[in-house]
């Protein structure tokens, strides 16, 4: 629809909004997480810096996962290091289902103070982003150094290096007495409508991309994390001068831990009898600990 006719929209917690600017060959995603974010974070007693970095990672995972065209596809983001207090951060997104977990050294995190840098948390780490597409049996993975001041900057580097795609990503989080809110925006340039074609180099100086980067880069952190600001209104504020902006509501986001006794029984059934016997405790049960939701499942294979 013409930009002048974009609706204001209601506050959108736990949902995504897709938008395209045809004249600029650009596409984008906006998301704001609320209750589902609190639900995921509450599974563990994370210290404030870990809650902050996990909230950012979950927001990024939704933005990247919403790019999948395969309805059964899954996006997995993993940050890992061998010398930082954060040993492992992993999040995944599949069809609107979101989950995430951080394994860390609490004592070392406490020593960093309230506002640690990305490097102080992860050290010399790396970021791995994996796209799984069940409908075609394809799997794509890109790995980049965990560099920059934020995870969002590391994701921008991934798209430049692995996808050859100019990308702008902004994420903001806010925590108050009512809980945690996180918002994010992703904008990409598909020069000459070349989605699906090989991109031999990144044109960061393309006039269309320079314009979109300036307009999109003007978004404020308080706007992204403002639960009273509709996502449609946010897009309208940024791009109301464009001749045409198309918007489409994306999937609702829910906590998507897929743990269940039936699931784990199916996984364990793939092991031989001898391996199953080694897994059993003194009561003859196999105890499986789900790190994502902090629950244990005692499974009787007999």
C-alpha atoms as a PDB file:
ATOM      1  CA  UNK A   1       0.000   0.000   0.000  1.00  0.00           C
ATOM      2  CA  UNK A   2       1.173   3.591  -0.395  1.00  0.00           C
ATOM      3  CA  UNK A   3       3.192   4.795   2.558  1.00  0.00           C
ATOM      4  CA  UNK A   4       0.622   7.498   3.286  1.00  0.00           C
ATOM      5  CA  UNK A   5      -1.992   4.794   3.916  1.00  0.00           C
ATOM      6  CA  UNK A   6       0.028   2.676   6.352  1.00  0.00           C
ATOM      7  CA  UNK A   7      -2.088   1.872   9.421  1.00  0.00           C
ATOM      8  CA  UNK A   8      -0.909   2.790  12.896  1.00  0.00           C
ATOM      9  CA  UNK A   9      -1.541  -0.679  14.277  1.00  0.00           C
ATOM     10  CA  UNK A  10      -1.804  -1.905  17.852  1.00  0.00           C
ATOM     11  CA  UNK A  11       1.016  -2.682  20.208  1.00  0.00           C
ATOM     12  CA  UNK A  12       2.571  -5.905  18.981  1.00  0.00           C
ATOM     13  CA  UNK A  13       4.177  -8.088  21.604  1.00  0.00           C
ATOM     14  CA  UNK A  14       5.642 -11.414  20.494  1.00  0.00           C
ATOM     15  CA  UNK A  15       5.016 -10.914  16.815  1.00  0.00           C
ATOM     16  CA  UNK A  16       6.939  -9.982  13.696  1.00  0.00           C
ATOM     17  CA  UNK A  17       6.141  -7.536  10.934  1.00  0.00           C
ATOM     18  CA  UNK A  18       7.575  -7.890   7.428  1.00  0.00           C
ATOM     19  CA  UNK A  19       8.033  -4.885   5.185  1.00  0.00           C
ATOM     20  CA  UNK A  20       9.448  -4.165   1.743  1.00  0.00           C
ATOM     21  CA  UNK A  21      10.361  -0.943  -0.024  1.00  0.00           C
ATOM     22  CA  UNK A  22      10.103  -1.903  -3.720  1.00  0.00           C
ATOM     23  CA  UNK A  23      11.635   1.275  -5.124  1.00  0.00           C
ATOM     24  CA  UNK A  24      14.765   0.641  -3.048  1.00  0.00           C
ATOM     25  CA  UNK A  25      14.925  -3.142  -3.582  1.00  0.00           C
ATOM     26  CA  UNK A  26      14.920  -3.535   0.184  1.00  0.00           C
ATOM     27  CA  UNK A  27      13.203  -5.853   2.633  1.00  0.00           C
ATOM     28  CA  UNK A  28      12.949  -5.704   6.401  1.00  0.00           C
ATOM     29  CA  UNK A  29      11.709  -7.319   9.578  1.00  0.00           C
ATOM     30  CA  UNK A  30      10.600  -5.747  12.854  1.00  0.00           C
ATOM     31  CA  UNK A  31       9.916  -7.658  16.068  1.00  0.00           C
ATOM     32  CA  UNK A  32       9.045  -6.853  19.661  1.00  0.00           C
ATOM     33  CA  UNK A  33       9.261  -9.526  22.343  1.00  0.00           C
ATOM     34  CA  UNK A  34       7.528  -9.298  25.707  1.00  0.00           C
ATOM     35  CA  UNK A  35       5.820 -12.108  27.656  1.00  0.00           C
ATOM     36  CA  UNK A  36       7.548 -14.870  25.682  1.00  0.00           C
ATOM     37  CA  UNK A  37      10.894 -13.282  26.511  1.00  0.00           C
ATOM     38  CA  UNK A  38      10.130 -13.302  30.237  1.00  0.00           C
ATOM     39  CA  UNK A  39       9.008 -16.923  29.963  1.00  0.00           C
ATOM     40  CA  UNK A  40      12.284 -18.035  28.390  1.00  0.00           C
ATOM     41  CA  UNK A  41      14.490 -15.980  30.716  1.00  0.00           C
ATOM     42  CA  UNK A  42      12.676 -17.246  33.821  1.00  0.00           C
ATOM     43  CA  UNK A  43      13.799 -20.845  33.221  1.00  0.00           C
ATOM     44  CA  UNK A  44      17.129 -20.023  34.890  1.00  0.00           C
ATOM     45  CA  UNK A  45      18.305 -17.523  37.511  1.00  0.00           C
ATOM     46  CA  UNK A  46      20.491 -15.598  35.109  1.00  0.00           C
ATOM     47  CA  UNK A  47      22.450 -12.567  36.375  1.00  0.00           C
ATOM     48  CA  UNK A  48      21.515  -9.261  34.720  1.00  0.00           C
ATOM     49  CA  UNK A  49      24.345  -9.224  32.101  1.00  0.00           C
ATOM     50  CA  UNK A  50      23.423 -12.736  30.938  1.00  0.00           C
ATOM     51  CA  UNK A  51      19.726 -11.858  30.755  1.00  0.00           C
ATOM     52  CA  UNK A  52      20.692  -8.860  28.635  1.00  0.00           C
ATOM     53  CA  UNK A  53      22.816 -10.772  26.144  1.00  0.00           C
ATOM     54  CA  UNK A  54      20.298 -13.637  25.903  1.00  0.00           C
ATOM     55  CA  UNK A  55      17.436 -11.189  25.289  1.00  0.00           C
ATOM     56  CA  UNK A  56      19.455  -9.641  22.446  1.00  0.00           C
ATOM     57  CA  UNK A  57      20.288 -13.065  21.027  1.00  0.00           C
ATOM     58  CA  UNK A  58      16.642 -14.193  21.121  1.00  0.00           C
ATOM     59  CA  UNK A  59      15.577 -11.033  19.292  1.00  0.00           C
ATOM     60  CA  UNK A  60      18.232 -11.580  16.632  1.00  0.00           C
ATOM     61  CA  UNK A  61      17.194 -15.208  16.266  1.00  0.00           C
ATOM     62  CA  UNK A  62      13.614 -14.169  15.487  1.00  0.00           C
ATOM     63  CA  UNK A  63      14.774 -11.555  12.959  1.00  0.00           C
ATOM     64  CA  UNK A  64      16.999 -14.038  11.137  1.00  0.00           C
ATOM     65  CA  UNK A  65      14.597 -16.948  11.481  1.00  0.00           C
ATOM     66  CA  UNK A  66      11.771 -14.907   9.977  1.00  0.00           C
ATOM     67  CA  UNK A  67      13.772 -14.779   6.722  1.00  0.00           C
ATOM     68  CA  UNK A  68      13.193 -18.512   6.230  1.00  0.00           C
ATOM     69  CA  UNK A  69      10.727 -19.378   3.471  1.00  0.00           C
ATOM     70  CA  UNK A  70      10.588 -23.057   4.432  1.00  0.00           C
ATOM     71  CA  UNK A  71       7.691 -23.417   6.894  1.00  0.00           C
ATOM     72  CA  UNK A  72       9.535 -26.264   8.639  1.00  0.00           C
ATOM     73  CA  UNK A  73      12.923 -24.559   8.458  1.00  0.00           C
ATOM     74  CA  UNK A  74      14.996 -23.829  11.540  1.00  0.00           C
ATOM     75  CA  UNK A  75      17.492 -21.079  12.306  1.00  0.00           C
ATOM     76  CA  UNK A  76      20.078 -21.776  14.988  1.00  0.00           C
ATOM     77  CA  UNK A  77      22.416 -19.161  16.417  1.00  0.00           C
ATOM     78  CA  UNK A  78      25.331 -20.321  18.534  1.00  0.00           C
ATOM     79  CA  UNK A  79      28.055 -18.257  20.209  1.00  0.00           C
ATOM     80  CA  UNK A  80      30.861 -20.148  21.868  1.00  0.00           C
ATOM     81  CA  UNK A  81      34.266 -19.492  23.408  1.00  0.00           C
ATOM     82  CA  UNK A  82      36.957 -21.276  25.339  1.00  0.00           C
ATOM     83  CA  UNK A  83      38.276 -18.388  27.413  1.00  0.00           C
ATOM     84  CA  UNK A  84      35.272 -16.244  28.390  1.00  0.00           C
ATOM     85  CA  UNK A  85      32.831 -16.562  31.296  1.00  0.00           C
ATOM     86  CA  UNK A  86      30.083 -17.364  28.768  1.00  0.00           C
ATOM     87  CA  UNK A  87      30.849 -20.884  27.619  1.00  0.00           C
ATOM     88  CA  UNK A  88      27.892 -21.336  25.267  1.00  0.00           C
ATOM     89  CA  UNK A  89      24.917 -19.329  24.035  1.00  0.00           C
ATOM     90  CA  UNK A  90      22.433 -21.097  21.775  1.00  0.00           C
ATOM     91  CA  UNK A  91      19.041 -20.023  20.421  1.00  0.00           C
ATOM     92  CA  UNK A  92      16.830 -21.445  17.714  1.00  0.00           C
ATOM     93  CA  UNK A  93      13.680 -20.479  15.846  1.00  0.00           C
ATOM     94  CA  UNK A  94      11.266 -22.719  13.941  1.00  0.00           C
ATOM     95  CA  UNK A  95       7.897 -21.593  12.623  1.00  0.00           C
ATOM     96  CA  UNK A  96       7.389 -19.027  15.348  1.00  0.00           C
ATOM     97  CA  UNK A  97       8.737 -21.260  18.116  1.00  0.00           C
ATOM     98  CA  UNK A  98      11.642 -19.685  19.992  1.00  0.00           C
ATOM     99  CA  UNK A  99      13.994 -20.974  22.665  1.00  0.00           C
ATOM    100  CA  UNK A 100      17.409 -20.098  24.064  1.00  0.00           C
ATOM    101  CA  UNK A 101      19.924 -20.955  26.764  1.00  0.00           C
ATOM    102  CA  UNK A 102      23.240 -19.670  28.142  1.00  0.00           C
ATOM    103  CA  UNK A 103      25.848 -21.766  29.955  1.00  0.00           C
ATOM    104  CA  UNK A 104      28.172 -19.525  31.953  1.00  0.00           C
ATOM    105  CA  UNK A 105      30.453 -19.262  34.967  1.00  0.00           C
ATOM    106  CA  UNK A 106      28.455 -17.227  37.543  1.00  0.00           C
ATOM    107  CA  UNK A 107      31.499 -16.251  39.618  1.00  0.00           C
ATOM    108  CA  UNK A 108      33.393 -14.898  36.607  1.00  0.00           C
ATOM    109  CA  UNK A 109      30.338 -13.014  35.362  1.00  0.00           C
ATOM    110  CA  UNK A 110      29.907 -11.356  38.776  1.00  0.00           C
ATOM    111  CA  UNK A 111      33.497 -10.107  38.605  1.00  0.00           C
ATOM    112  CA  UNK A 112      32.722  -8.166  35.412  1.00  0.00           C
ATOM    113  CA  UNK A 113      30.302  -5.708  36.980  1.00  0.00           C
ATOM    114  CA  UNK A 114      26.877  -4.590  35.728  1.00  0.00           C
ATOM    115  CA  UNK A 115      27.779  -3.556  32.146  1.00  0.00           C
ATOM    116  CA  UNK A 116      30.389  -5.934  30.697  1.00  0.00           C
ATOM    117  CA  UNK A 117      31.498  -5.663  27.090  1.00  0.00           C
ATOM    118  CA  UNK A 118      30.817  -8.373  24.545  1.00  0.00           C
ATOM    119  CA  UNK A 119      34.515  -9.285  24.527  1.00  0.00           C
ATOM    120  CA  UNK A 120      34.676  -9.556  28.316  1.00  0.00           C
ATOM    121  CA  UNK A 121      31.752 -12.007  28.230  1.00  0.00           C
ATOM    122  CA  UNK A 122      32.874 -14.163  25.308  1.00  0.00           C
ATOM    123  CA  UNK A 123      36.570 -13.493  24.868  1.00  0.00           C
ATOM    124  CA  UNK A 124      37.923 -14.731  21.534  1.00  0.00           C
ATOM    125  CA  UNK A 125      34.713 -16.441  20.521  1.00  0.00           C
ATOM    126  CA  UNK A 126      32.878 -17.157  17.303  1.00  0.00           C
ATOM    127  CA  UNK A 127      29.314 -16.879  16.049  1.00  0.00           C
ATOM    128  CA  UNK A 128      27.790 -19.721  14.041  1.00  0.00           C
ATOM    129  CA  UNK A 129      24.488 -19.250  12.190  1.00  0.00           C
ATOM    130  CA  UNK A 130      22.835 -22.315  10.690  1.00  0.00           C
ATOM    131  CA  UNK A 131      19.831 -22.547   8.375  1.00  0.00           C
ATOM    132  CA  UNK A 132      18.186 -26.003   8.168  1.00  0.00           C
ATOM    133  CA  UNK A 133      15.698 -26.514   5.324  1.00  0.00           C
ATOM    134  CA  UNK A 134      13.892 -29.878   5.727  1.00  0.00           C
ATOM    135  CA  UNK A 135      11.829 -29.483   2.542  1.00  0.00           C
ATOM    136  CA  UNK A 136      15.011 -29.593   0.419  1.00  0.00           C
ATOM    137  CA  UNK A 137      17.325 -31.405   2.825  1.00  0.00           C
ATOM    138  CA  UNK A 138      19.764 -28.494   2.648  1.00  0.00           C
ATOM    139  CA  UNK A 139      21.783 -27.045   5.506  1.00  0.00           C
ATOM    140  CA  UNK A 140      23.745 -23.813   5.395  1.00  0.00           C
ATOM    141  CA  UNK A 141      26.152 -22.600   8.059  1.00  0.00           C
ATOM    142  CA  UNK A 142      28.295 -19.514   8.343  1.00  0.00           C
ATOM    143  CA  UNK A 143      30.890 -18.866  11.054  1.00  0.00           C
ATOM    144  CA  UNK A 144      32.367 -15.457  11.835  1.00  0.00           C
ATOM    145  CA  UNK A 145      34.509 -14.113  14.688  1.00  0.00           C
ATOM    146  CA  UNK A 146      32.503 -12.746  17.586  1.00  0.00           C
ATOM    147  CA  UNK A 147      33.690  -9.189  17.048  1.00  0.00           C
ATOM    148  CA  UNK A 148      32.100  -5.789  17.586  1.00  0.00           C
ATOM    149  CA  UNK A 149      30.354  -4.177  20.502  1.00  0.00           C
ATOM    150  CA  UNK A 150      27.126  -6.191  20.196  1.00  0.00           C
ATOM    151  CA  UNK A 151      25.795  -9.487  18.876  1.00  0.00           C
ATOM    152  CA  UNK A 152      23.877  -7.450  16.298  1.00  0.00           C
ATOM    153  CA  UNK A 153      27.144  -6.194  14.812  1.00  0.00           C
ATOM    154  CA  UNK A 154      28.468  -9.741  14.661  1.00  0.00           C
ATOM    155  CA  UNK A 155      25.321 -10.758  12.741  1.00  0.00           C
ATOM    156  CA  UNK A 156      25.839  -7.900  10.289  1.00  0.00           C
ATOM    157  CA  UNK A 157      29.349  -9.249   9.680  1.00  0.00           C
ATOM    158  CA  UNK A 158      27.886 -12.697   9.028  1.00  0.00           C
ATOM    159  CA  UNK A 159      25.622 -11.391   6.255  1.00  0.00           C
ATOM    160  CA  UNK A 160      28.437  -9.396   4.667  1.00  0.00           C
ATOM    161  CA  UNK A 161      30.952 -12.242   4.748  1.00  0.00           C
ATOM    162  CA  UNK A 162      28.796 -15.345   4.318  1.00  0.00           C
ATOM    163  CA  UNK A 163      25.750 -14.089   2.396  1.00  0.00           C
ATOM    164  CA  UNK A 164      27.275 -11.115   0.543  1.00  0.00           C
ATOM    165  CA  UNK A 165      24.209  -9.151   1.547  1.00  0.00           C
ATOM    166  CA  UNK A 166      24.238  -5.549   2.845  1.00  0.00           C
ATOM    167  CA  UNK A 167      22.388  -5.709   6.168  1.00  0.00           C
ATOM    168  CA  UNK A 168      21.468  -3.262   8.924  1.00  0.00           C
ATOM    169  CA  UNK A 169      20.433  -4.680  12.316  1.00  0.00           C
ATOM    170  CA  UNK A 170      19.352  -2.783  15.408  1.00  0.00           C
ATOM    171  CA  UNK A 171      18.308  -4.328  18.738  1.00  0.00           C
ATOM    172  CA  UNK A 172      17.281  -2.717  22.032  1.00  0.00           C
ATOM    173  CA  UNK A 173      16.208  -4.175  25.374  1.00  0.00           C
ATOM    174  CA  UNK A 174      14.509  -2.668  28.390  1.00  0.00           C
ATOM    175  CA  UNK A 175      13.860  -4.159  31.828  1.00  0.00           C
ATOM    176  CA  UNK A 176      11.588  -2.696  34.473  1.00  0.00           C
ATOM    177  CA  UNK A 177       9.190  -3.862  37.174  1.00  0.00           C
ATOM    178  CA  UNK A 178       6.799  -5.271  34.565  1.00  0.00           C
ATOM    179  CA  UNK A 179       9.438  -7.470  32.939  1.00  0.00           C
ATOM    180  CA  UNK A 180      11.769  -7.464  29.948  1.00  0.00           C
ATOM    181  CA  UNK A 181      10.952  -6.033  26.518  1.00  0.00           C
ATOM    182  CA  UNK A 182      13.191  -6.329  23.469  1.00  0.00           C
ATOM    183  CA  UNK A 183      12.741  -4.934  19.997  1.00  0.00           C
ATOM    184  CA  UNK A 184      14.713  -5.386  16.823  1.00  0.00           C
ATOM    185  CA  UNK A 185      14.832  -4.346  13.189  1.00  0.00           C
ATOM    186  CA  UNK A 186      16.611  -5.893  10.201  1.00  0.00           C
ATOM    187  CA  UNK A 187      16.907  -4.288   6.754  1.00  0.00           C
ATOM    188  CA  UNK A 188      18.576  -5.855   3.719  1.00  0.00           C
ATOM    189  CA  UNK A 189      19.328  -4.680   0.204  1.00  0.00           C
ATOM    190  CA  UNK A 190      18.646  -6.986  -2.746  1.00  0.00           C
ATOM    191  CA  UNK A 191      20.172  -4.911  -5.535  1.00  0.00           C
ATOM    192  CA  UNK A 192      18.316  -5.165  -8.849  1.00  0.00           C
ATOM    193  CA  UNK A 193      15.897  -7.599  -7.198  1.00  0.00           C
ATOM    194  CA  UNK A 194      18.608 -10.220  -7.210  1.00  0.00           C
ATOM    195  CA  UNK A 195      17.205 -12.458  -4.477  1.00  0.00           C
ATOM    196  CA  UNK A 196      18.175 -16.027  -5.312  1.00  0.00           C
ATOM    197  CA  UNK A 197      21.018 -14.953  -7.583  1.00  0.00           C
ATOM    198  CA  UNK A 198      24.706 -15.104  -6.802  1.00  0.00           C
ATOM    199  CA  UNK A 199      26.108 -11.890  -5.330  1.00  0.00           C
ATOM    200  CA  UNK A 200      29.769 -11.539  -6.214  1.00  0.00           C
ATOM    201  CA  UNK A 201      30.425  -8.517  -4.042  1.00  0.00           C
ATOM    202  CA  UNK A 202      28.710  -6.305  -1.512  1.00  0.00           C
ATOM    203  CA  UNK A 203      27.717  -2.842  -2.753  1.00  0.00           C
ATOM    204  CA  UNK A 204      27.705  -0.850   0.460  1.00  0.00           C
ATOM    205  CA  UNK A 205      27.989   2.292  -1.659  1.00  0.00           C
ATOM    206  CA  UNK A 206      24.905   1.520  -3.743  1.00  0.00           C
ATOM    207  CA  UNK A 207      22.700   4.661  -3.668  1.00  0.00           C
ATOM    208  CA  UNK A 208      19.600   2.648  -2.772  1.00  0.00           C
ATOM    209  CA  UNK A 209      21.369   0.972   0.128  1.00  0.00           C
ATOM    210  CA  UNK A 210      22.956   4.185   1.368  1.00  0.00           C
ATOM    211  CA  UNK A 211      19.481   5.719   1.527  1.00  0.00           C
ATOM    212  CA  UNK A 212      17.934   2.736   3.355  1.00  0.00           C
ATOM    213  CA  UNK A 213      20.849   2.533   5.803  1.00  0.00           C
ATOM    214  CA  UNK A 214      20.483   6.207   6.675  1.00  0.00           C
ATOM    215  CA  UNK A 215      16.698   6.016   7.096  1.00  0.00           C
ATOM    216  CA  UNK A 216      16.744   2.734   9.018  1.00  0.00           C
ATOM    217  CA  UNK A 217      19.754   3.760  11.073  1.00  0.00           C
ATOM    218  CA  UNK A 218      17.708   6.622  12.442  1.00  0.00           C
ATOM    219  CA  UNK A 219      15.595   4.300  14.585  1.00  0.00           C
ATOM    220  CA  UNK A 220      16.057   4.993  18.301  1.00  0.00           C
ATOM    221  CA  UNK A 221      16.576   2.360  20.964  1.00  0.00           C
ATOM    222  CA  UNK A 222      13.655   3.701  22.964  1.00  0.00           C
ATOM    223  CA  UNK A 223      11.395   3.251  19.918  1.00  0.00           C
ATOM    224  CA  UNK A 224      12.412  -0.370  19.430  1.00  0.00           C
ATOM    225  CA  UNK A 225      11.757  -1.255  23.069  1.00  0.00           C
ATOM    226  CA  UNK A 226       8.626   0.883  23.488  1.00  0.00           C
ATOM    227  CA  UNK A 227       5.754  -1.516  24.177  1.00  0.00           C
ATOM    228  CA  UNK A 228       3.246   1.266  23.483  1.00  0.00           C
ATOM    229  CA  UNK A 229       4.508   1.915  19.946  1.00  0.00           C
ATOM    230  CA  UNK A 230       2.913  -0.244  17.247  1.00  0.00           C
ATOM    231  CA  UNK A 231       5.281  -1.921  14.812  1.00  0.00           C
ATOM    232  CA  UNK A 232       3.409  -0.488  11.829  1.00  0.00           C
ATOM    233  CA  UNK A 233       3.754   2.986  13.317  1.00  0.00           C
ATOM    234  CA  UNK A 234       7.484   2.453  13.763  1.00  0.00           C
ATOM    235  CA  UNK A 235       7.908   1.486  10.094  1.00  0.00           C
ATOM    236  CA  UNK A 236       5.774   4.475   9.070  1.00  0.00           C
ATOM    237  CA  UNK A 237       7.951   6.874  11.070  1.00  0.00           C
ATOM    238  CA  UNK A 238      11.092   5.664   9.315  1.00  0.00           C
ATOM    239  CA  UNK A 239       9.893   5.334   5.718  1.00  0.00           C
ATOM    240  CA  UNK A 240       6.820   7.558   5.309  1.00  0.00           C
ATOM    241  CA  UNK A 241       8.546   9.545   2.543  1.00  0.00           C
ATOM    242  CA  UNK A 242       8.832   6.485   0.287  1.00  0.00           C
ATOM    243  CA  UNK A 243       6.386   6.140  -2.592  1.00  0.00           C
ATOM    244  CA  UNK A 244       5.383   2.653  -1.496  1.00  0.00           C
ATOM    245  CA  UNK A 245       5.932   0.510   1.588  1.00  0.00           C
ATOM    246  CA  UNK A 246       4.349  -2.928   1.807  1.00  0.00           C
ATOM    247  CA  UNK A 247       3.737  -4.543   5.192  1.00  0.00           C
ATOM    248  CA  UNK A 248       2.689  -8.049   6.154  1.00  0.00           C
ATOM    249  CA  UNK A 249       2.163  -9.482   9.602  1.00  0.00           C
ATOM    250  CA  UNK A 250       4.426 -12.415  10.395  1.00  0.00           C
ATOM    251  CA  UNK A 251       4.151 -15.318  12.783  1.00  0.00           C
ATOM    252  CA  UNK A 252       3.225 -15.060  16.430  1.00  0.00           C
ATOM    253  CA  UNK A 253       6.211 -15.934  18.611  1.00  0.00           C
ATOM    254  CA  UNK A 254       5.818 -18.596  21.316  1.00  0.00           C
ATOM    255  CA  UNK A 255       8.212 -20.377  23.640  1.00  0.00           C
ATOM    256  CA  UNK A 256       9.117 -23.471  21.697  1.00  0.00           C
ATOM    257  CA  UNK A 257      11.012 -25.924  23.880  1.00  0.00           C
ATOM    258  CA  UNK A 258      10.282 -29.288  22.311  1.00  0.00           C
ATOM    259  CA  UNK A 259      11.176 -31.442  25.310  1.00  0.00           C
ATOM    260  CA  UNK A 260       8.846 -34.275  26.292  1.00  0.00           C
ATOM    261  CA  UNK A 261       9.169 -37.865  27.482  1.00  0.00           C
ATOM    262  CA  UNK A 262       7.933 -39.060  24.075  1.00  0.00           C
ATOM    263  CA  UNK A 263      10.593 -37.001  22.282  1.00  0.00           C
ATOM    264  CA  UNK A 264      13.449 -38.236  24.461  1.00  0.00           C
ATOM    265  CA  UNK A 265      12.196 -41.823  24.320  1.00  0.00           C
ATOM    266  CA  UNK A 266      12.314 -41.595  20.528  1.00  0.00           C
ATOM    267  CA  UNK A 267      15.883 -40.230  20.640  1.00  0.00           C
ATOM    268  CA  UNK A 268      17.073 -42.890  23.105  1.00  0.00           C
ATOM    269  CA  UNK A 269      15.544 -45.653  21.012  1.00  0.00           C
ATOM    270  CA  UNK A 270      18.229 -44.997  18.390  1.00  0.00           C
ATOM    271  CA  UNK A 271      20.927 -46.260  20.778  1.00  0.00           C
ATOM    272  CA  UNK A 272      21.808 -49.932  21.157  1.00  0.00           C
ATOM    273  CA  UNK A 273      20.888 -51.994  24.206  1.00  0.00           C
ATOM    274  CA  UNK A 274      24.413 -51.798  25.676  1.00  0.00           C
ATOM    275  CA  UNK A 275      24.513 -48.000  25.352  1.00  0.00           C
ATOM    276  CA  UNK A 276      21.061 -47.685  26.893  1.00  0.00           C
ATOM    277  CA  UNK A 277      22.156 -49.831  29.834  1.00  0.00           C
ATOM    278  CA  UNK A 278      25.109 -47.501  30.501  1.00  0.00           C
ATOM    279  CA  UNK A 279      22.782 -44.501  30.595  1.00  0.00           C
ATOM    280  CA  UNK A 280      20.504 -45.930  33.295  1.00  0.00           C
ATOM    281  CA  UNK A 281      20.844 -44.895  36.932  1.00  0.00           C
ATOM    282  CA  UNK A 282      20.509 -47.195  39.970  1.00  0.00           C
ATOM    283  CA  UNK A 283      16.728 -47.127  39.618  1.00  0.00           C
ATOM    284  CA  UNK A 284      16.900 -48.284  36.003  1.00  0.00           C
ATOM    285  CA  UNK A 285      15.888 -44.876  34.652  1.00  0.00           C
ATOM    286  CA  UNK A 286      17.564 -42.595  32.122  1.00  0.00           C
ATOM    287  CA  UNK A 287      17.469 -39.012  33.430  1.00  0.00           C
ATOM    288  CA  UNK A 288      17.574 -36.350  30.747  1.00  0.00           C
ATOM    289  CA  UNK A 289      18.163 -32.710  31.678  1.00  0.00           C
ATOM    290  CA  UNK A 290      16.724 -30.114  29.264  1.00  0.00           C
ATOM    291  CA  UNK A 291      18.937 -27.034  29.516  1.00  0.00           C
ATOM    292  CA  UNK A 292      16.438 -24.864  27.633  1.00  0.00           C
ATOM    293  CA  UNK A 293      13.592 -25.180  30.143  1.00  0.00           C
ATOM    294  CA  UNK A 294      15.568 -26.371  33.200  1.00  0.00           C
ATOM    295  CA  UNK A 295      13.579 -29.582  33.662  1.00  0.00           C
ATOM    296  CA  UNK A 296      14.600 -33.188  34.225  1.00  0.00           C
ATOM    297  CA  UNK A 297      12.842 -36.132  32.629  1.00  0.00           C
ATOM    298  CA  UNK A 298      13.137 -39.607  34.182  1.00  0.00           C
ATOM    299  CA  UNK A 299      12.515 -42.123  31.410  1.00  0.00           C
ATOM    300  CA  UNK A 300      11.841 -45.833  31.874  1.00  0.00           C
ATOM    301  CA  UNK A 301      12.979 -47.472  28.649  1.00  0.00           C
ATOM    302  CA  UNK A 302      11.492 -50.790  29.736  1.00  0.00           C
END
